């Protein structure tokens, strides 16, 4: 379970980072999950920040799991 949480944390972190890079620079236009969600139209920065916060929560949850 720890590895699954870490994997999901990495995915959320990358998607949040890509979303912020796209919003502030215009690069990586086809990579972001947030840009493809219609209900976040005009709120992509908030969605990307939420993904970054989610990734830190997933990392914390993975760290609290017993190893082994």
N, C-alpha and C. Protein backbone atom coordinates (compact mmCIF):
# COMPACT_ATOMS: atom_id res chain seq x y z
N UNK A 1 0.82 -1.19 0.00
CA UNK A 1 0.00 0.00 0.00
C UNK A 1 0.86 1.26 0.00
N UNK A 2 2.00 1.16 0.67
CA UNK A 2 2.89 2.31 0.74
C UNK A 2 3.39 2.69 -0.66
N UNK A 3 3.73 1.70 -1.46
CA UNK A 3 4.23 1.98 -2.80
C UNK A 3 3.14 2.57 -3.70
N UNK A 4 1.90 2.13 -3.51
CA UNK A 4 0.79 2.68 -4.30
C UNK A 4 0.59 4.15 -3.95
N UNK A 5 0.61 4.48 -2.66
CA UNK A 5 0.45 5.87 -2.24
C UNK A 5 1.59 6.74 -2.76
N UNK A 6 2.81 6.22 -2.72
CA UNK A 6 3.95 6.97 -3.24
C UNK A 6 3.83 7.18 -4.74
N UNK A 7 3.40 6.15 -5.46
CA UNK A 7 3.22 6.26 -6.91
C UNK A 7 2.17 7.31 -7.25
N UNK A 8 1.03 7.26 -6.56
CA UNK A 8 -0.02 8.25 -6.79
C UNK A 8 0.44 9.65 -6.41
N UNK A 9 1.27 9.76 -5.37
CA UNK A 9 1.82 11.04 -4.97
C UNK A 9 2.74 11.62 -6.05
N UNK A 10 3.54 10.77 -6.65
CA UNK A 10 4.43 11.22 -7.72
C UNK A 10 3.63 11.69 -8.93
N UNK A 11 2.60 10.92 -9.29
CA UNK A 11 1.76 11.30 -10.43
C UNK A 11 1.07 12.65 -10.16
N UNK A 12 0.50 12.81 -8.96
CA UNK A 12 -0.17 14.06 -8.62
C UNK A 12 0.81 15.22 -8.61
N UNK A 13 2.02 14.99 -8.09
CA UNK A 13 3.03 16.04 -8.05
C UNK A 13 3.44 16.47 -9.46
N UNK A 14 3.67 15.50 -10.33
CA UNK A 14 4.06 15.81 -11.71
C UNK A 14 2.94 16.55 -12.44
N UNK A 15 1.71 16.10 -12.29
CA UNK A 15 0.59 16.75 -12.98
C UNK A 15 0.37 18.17 -12.46
N UNK A 16 0.51 18.36 -11.15
CA UNK A 16 0.38 19.71 -10.60
C UNK A 16 1.49 20.62 -11.08
N UNK A 17 2.71 20.10 -11.12
CA UNK A 17 3.84 20.89 -11.61
C UNK A 17 3.71 21.23 -13.07
N UNK A 18 3.30 20.26 -13.87
CA UNK A 18 3.12 20.51 -15.30
C UNK A 18 2.01 21.54 -15.52
N UNK A 19 0.95 21.45 -14.74
CA UNK A 19 -0.14 22.42 -14.86
C UNK A 19 0.31 23.83 -14.56
N UNK A 20 1.12 24.00 -13.52
CA UNK A 20 1.62 25.33 -13.18
C UNK A 20 2.60 25.84 -14.22
N UNK A 21 3.48 24.97 -14.70
CA UNK A 21 4.42 25.38 -15.75
C UNK A 21 3.66 25.82 -16.99
N UNK A 22 2.62 25.08 -17.35
CA UNK A 22 1.84 25.44 -18.54
C UNK A 22 1.13 26.77 -18.34
N UNK A 23 0.57 27.00 -17.19
CA UNK A 23 -0.18 28.24 -16.96
C UNK A 23 0.72 29.47 -16.95
N UNK A 24 1.93 29.34 -16.41
CA UNK A 24 2.79 30.51 -16.28
C UNK A 24 3.74 30.71 -17.46
N UNK A 25 4.03 29.64 -18.22
CA UNK A 25 4.97 29.79 -19.32
C UNK A 25 4.37 29.41 -20.68
N UNK A 26 3.34 28.59 -20.69
CA UNK A 26 2.77 28.13 -21.95
C UNK A 26 3.44 26.88 -22.50
N UNK A 27 4.45 26.37 -21.80
CA UNK A 27 5.12 25.14 -22.24
C UNK A 27 4.29 23.93 -21.83
N UNK A 28 4.64 22.80 -22.38
CA UNK A 28 4.05 21.50 -22.02
C UNK A 28 2.53 21.50 -22.17
N UNK A 29 2.06 21.97 -23.29
CA UNK A 29 0.62 22.15 -23.47
C UNK A 29 -0.15 20.83 -23.53
N UNK A 30 0.42 19.76 -24.01
CA UNK A 30 -0.33 18.51 -24.14
C UNK A 30 -0.14 17.55 -22.98
N UNK A 31 0.55 17.96 -21.94
CA UNK A 31 0.92 17.03 -20.88
C UNK A 31 0.01 17.07 -19.67
N UNK A 32 -0.67 18.14 -19.44
CA UNK A 32 -1.37 18.33 -18.18
C UNK A 32 -2.75 17.73 -18.13
N UNK A 33 -3.07 17.13 -17.01
CA UNK A 33 -4.40 16.60 -16.76
C UNK A 33 -5.39 17.73 -16.49
N UNK A 34 -4.94 18.75 -15.81
CA UNK A 34 -5.82 19.84 -15.40
C UNK A 34 -6.37 20.60 -16.60
N UNK A 35 -5.60 20.77 -17.64
CA UNK A 35 -6.05 21.51 -18.81
C UNK A 35 -7.15 20.76 -19.56
N UNK A 36 -7.25 19.48 -19.38
CA UNK A 36 -8.25 18.68 -20.09
C UNK A 36 -9.59 18.60 -19.37
N UNK A 37 -9.66 19.09 -18.15
CA UNK A 37 -10.90 19.02 -17.39
C UNK A 37 -11.72 20.28 -17.61
N UNK A 38 -12.90 20.12 -18.20
CA UNK A 38 -13.72 21.28 -18.57
C UNK A 38 -14.22 22.06 -17.37
N UNK A 39 -14.51 21.39 -16.25
CA UNK A 39 -15.05 22.11 -15.11
C UNK A 39 -14.01 22.99 -14.42
N UNK A 40 -12.73 22.84 -14.77
CA UNK A 40 -11.69 23.70 -14.23
C UNK A 40 -11.30 24.82 -15.19
N UNK A 41 -12.09 25.02 -16.21
CA UNK A 41 -11.79 26.05 -17.20
C UNK A 41 -11.73 27.43 -16.53
N UNK A 42 -10.57 28.06 -16.62
CA UNK A 42 -10.34 29.34 -15.97
C UNK A 42 -9.81 29.23 -14.56
N UNK A 43 -9.74 28.02 -14.03
CA UNK A 43 -9.26 27.79 -12.67
C UNK A 43 -8.13 26.76 -12.64
N UNK A 44 -7.35 26.71 -13.70
CA UNK A 44 -6.32 25.69 -13.81
C UNK A 44 -5.23 25.83 -12.76
N UNK A 45 -4.91 27.06 -12.37
CA UNK A 45 -3.88 27.27 -11.35
C UNK A 45 -4.33 26.66 -10.03
N UNK A 46 -5.61 26.88 -9.67
CA UNK A 46 -6.13 26.31 -8.43
C UNK A 46 -6.13 24.79 -8.47
N UNK A 47 -6.49 24.23 -9.60
CA UNK A 47 -6.47 22.78 -9.75
C UNK A 47 -5.06 22.21 -9.64
N UNK A 48 -4.10 22.91 -10.21
CA UNK A 48 -2.71 22.45 -10.14
C UNK A 48 -2.16 22.53 -8.72
N UNK A 49 -2.49 23.61 -8.03
CA UNK A 49 -2.05 23.74 -6.63
C UNK A 49 -2.72 22.67 -5.77
N UNK A 50 -3.99 22.39 -6.05
CA UNK A 50 -4.68 21.33 -5.31
C UNK A 50 -4.01 19.98 -5.54
N UNK A 51 -3.55 19.71 -6.75
CA UNK A 51 -2.83 18.46 -7.02
C UNK A 51 -1.51 18.41 -6.26
N UNK A 52 -0.82 19.53 -6.16
CA UNK A 52 0.42 19.56 -5.39
C UNK A 52 0.16 19.30 -3.91
N UNK A 53 -0.88 19.90 -3.37
CA UNK A 53 -1.24 19.66 -1.97
C UNK A 53 -1.64 18.20 -1.76
N UNK A 54 -2.40 17.65 -2.70
CA UNK A 54 -2.78 16.24 -2.63
C UNK A 54 -1.55 15.34 -2.66
N UNK A 55 -0.57 15.70 -3.46
CA UNK A 55 0.63 14.86 -3.54
C UNK A 55 1.37 14.84 -2.20
N UNK A 56 1.46 16.00 -1.52
CA UNK A 56 2.11 16.02 -0.22
C UNK A 56 1.32 15.22 0.81
N UNK A 57 -0.01 15.25 0.72
CA UNK A 57 -0.83 14.44 1.63
C UNK A 57 -0.63 12.95 1.36
N UNK A 58 -0.51 12.58 0.09
CA UNK A 58 -0.26 11.18 -0.24
C UNK A 58 1.11 10.73 0.24
N UNK A 59 2.12 11.59 0.12
CA UNK A 59 3.44 11.26 0.63
C UNK A 59 3.42 11.09 2.14
N UNK A 60 2.68 11.95 2.85
CA UNK A 60 2.58 11.85 4.29
C UNK A 60 1.85 10.56 4.69
N UNK A 61 0.80 10.21 3.96
CA UNK A 61 0.09 8.97 4.24
C UNK A 61 0.97 7.76 3.98
N UNK A 62 1.77 7.81 2.94
CA UNK A 62 2.67 6.70 2.63
C UNK A 62 3.74 6.58 3.72
N UNK A 63 4.19 7.70 4.22
CA UNK A 63 5.23 7.68 5.26
C UNK A 63 4.69 7.12 6.57
N UNK A 64 3.40 7.30 6.82
CA UNK A 64 2.81 6.81 8.08
C UNK A 64 2.53 5.31 8.02
N UNK A 65 2.57 4.71 6.83
CA UNK A 65 2.34 3.27 6.70
C UNK A 65 3.54 2.51 7.25
N UNK A 66 3.25 1.33 7.77
CA UNK A 66 4.34 0.47 8.25
C UNK A 66 5.12 -0.06 7.04
N UNK A 67 6.42 -0.08 7.16
CA UNK A 67 7.23 -0.63 6.07
C UNK A 67 7.30 -2.13 6.23
N UNK A 68 7.35 -2.80 5.08
CA UNK A 68 7.49 -4.25 5.11
C UNK A 68 6.22 -4.89 4.91
